[in-house]
Amino acid sequence: MLRRTMLALALAMLAGSTARAETYGDKIKEVDAEKNTITFPVDGKDRVFTVDPMVEVKSQRRAGKRLAVTPVKDGLKGVKAGNEVTVTTEKKDGKEVVTKIVILVPEKK
């Protein structure tokens, strides 16, 4: 009985923490590395998001049948307007903050 209660409590906590994360995908309109902000369209409207100073920035490209994911050394400075990205945000202090950016590198033809 105690095990079931503890398991239910752990699952409830896990579900609550993952419910705060959102993922968006589109082309970046603007990057301001000085102010730690990025702008991209969400539901047809441009939104400005604050970027966490410890943001995880990676690039993803096809390597044959696999995907190769590599860290971007310059962090937010490595993200440019026009890049196709997937962005993960989390609620922090009531604001939606970008915690992860994955740049989608197109396949070479």
Protein backbone atom coordinates (compact mmCIF):
# COMPACT_ATOMS: atom_id res chain seq x y z
CA MET A 1 0.00 0.00 0.00
CA LEU A 2 2.79 2.41 0.89
CA ARG A 3 4.60 1.56 -2.36
CA ARG A 4 1.54 2.38 -4.44
CA THR A 5 1.08 5.68 -2.67
CA MET A 6 4.73 6.63 -3.17
CA LEU A 7 4.61 5.57 -6.85
CA ALA A 8 1.44 7.60 -7.42
CA LEU A 9 3.01 10.63 -5.75
CA ALA A 10 6.20 10.31 -7.82
CA LEU A 11 4.22 10.01 -11.07
CA ALA A 12 2.10 13.04 -10.17
CA MET A 13 5.23 15.10 -9.51
CA LEU A 14 6.80 13.96 -12.79
CA ALA A 15 3.65 14.77 -14.76
CA GLY A 16 3.48 18.21 -13.16
CA SER A 17 7.06 19.07 -14.08
CA THR A 18 6.74 18.00 -17.72
CA ALA A 19 3.45 19.84 -18.19
CA ARG A 20 5.31 23.15 -17.91
CA ALA A 21 7.51 22.56 -20.96
CA GLU A 22 6.40 23.65 -24.45
CA THR A 23 8.06 22.97 -27.79
CA TYR A 24 7.83 25.20 -30.86
CA GLY A 25 9.31 24.86 -34.33
CA ASP A 26 9.75 27.52 -37.01
CA LYS A 27 12.28 29.93 -38.55
CA ILE A 28 13.92 32.48 -36.27
CA LYS A 29 12.97 36.07 -37.14
CA GLU A 30 15.44 37.85 -34.86
CA VAL A 31 18.15 37.05 -32.31
CA ASP A 32 19.45 39.52 -29.74
CA ALA A 33 22.34 37.86 -27.89
CA GLU A 34 22.93 41.03 -25.84
CA LYS A 35 19.42 41.02 -24.37
CA ASN A 36 19.08 37.19 -24.44
CA THR A 37 15.93 37.23 -26.58
CA ILE A 38 14.75 35.52 -29.75
CA THR A 39 11.73 36.25 -31.93
CA PHE A 40 9.84 33.67 -33.98
CA PRO A 41 6.25 33.06 -35.09
CA VAL A 42 3.84 31.14 -32.86
CA ASP A 43 0.32 30.58 -34.18
CA GLY A 44 0.88 33.17 -36.93
CA LYS A 45 2.08 35.95 -34.61
CA ASP A 46 5.67 36.95 -33.85
CA ARG A 47 6.56 36.39 -30.19
CA VAL A 48 9.64 37.53 -28.31
CA PHE A 49 11.01 34.98 -25.84
CA THR A 50 13.57 35.48 -23.10
CA VAL A 51 16.43 32.99 -23.38
CA ASP A 52 17.87 31.36 -20.26
CA PRO A 53 21.56 32.34 -19.83
CA MET A 54 22.36 28.62 -19.52
CA VAL A 55 20.46 27.71 -22.70
CA GLU A 56 21.43 24.45 -24.39
CA VAL A 57 22.06 25.11 -28.11
CA LYS A 58 22.65 22.19 -30.49
CA SER A 59 22.62 21.62 -34.24
CA GLN A 60 20.99 18.60 -35.81
CA ARG A 61 21.78 17.21 -39.26
CA ARG A 62 21.31 13.98 -41.15
CA ALA A 63 24.30 11.65 -41.25
CA GLY A 64 23.17 8.90 -43.59
CA LYS A 65 20.14 7.28 -41.99
CA ARG A 66 20.96 8.72 -38.57
CA LEU A 67 20.70 12.15 -37.02
CA ALA A 68 23.88 13.78 -35.76
CA VAL A 69 23.40 16.24 -32.89
CA THR A 70 26.34 18.46 -31.93
CA PRO A 71 26.63 21.32 -29.40
CA VAL A 72 26.95 24.84 -30.80
CA LYS A 73 30.09 26.39 -29.31
CA ASP A 74 28.89 30.00 -29.47
CA GLY A 75 25.60 29.28 -27.67
CA LEU A 76 22.94 31.86 -28.49
CA LYS A 77 25.43 33.79 -30.65
CA GLY A 78 25.50 30.73 -32.95
CA VAL A 79 21.78 31.11 -33.69
CA LYS A 80 21.03 33.34 -36.69
CA ALA A 81 17.86 34.86 -38.12
CA GLY A 82 16.44 32.51 -40.73
CA ASN A 83 17.61 29.33 -38.96
CA GLU A 84 14.98 26.59 -38.81
CA VAL A 85 14.82 25.60 -35.12
CA THR A 86 12.99 23.62 -32.51
CA VAL A 87 12.73 25.56 -29.25
CA THR A 88 11.83 24.19 -25.82
CA THR A 89 10.49 26.59 -23.19
CA GLU A 90 9.70 26.25 -19.50
CA LYS A 91 7.78 28.45 -17.09
CA LYS A 92 10.16 30.27 -14.72
CA ASP A 93 8.89 32.95 -12.36
CA GLY A 94 5.67 33.17 -14.38
CA LYS A 95 7.48 33.78 -17.70
CA GLU A 96 8.00 31.39 -20.60
CA VAL A 97 11.80 31.07 -20.94
CA VAL A 98 13.73 29.27 -23.70
CA THR A 99 15.86 26.49 -22.19
CA LYS A 100 16.85 24.53 -25.32
CA ILE A 101 17.38 25.40 -28.99
CA VAL A 102 18.02 22.81 -31.71
CA ILE A 103 19.07 24.24 -35.08
CA LEU A 104 17.90 22.03 -37.94
CA VAL A 105 20.63 21.95 -40.58
CA PRO A 106 19.21 21.13 -44.05
CA GLU A 107 20.46 18.08 -45.94
CA LYS A 108 23.01 18.68 -48.66
CA LYS A 109 21.73 17.62 -52.07
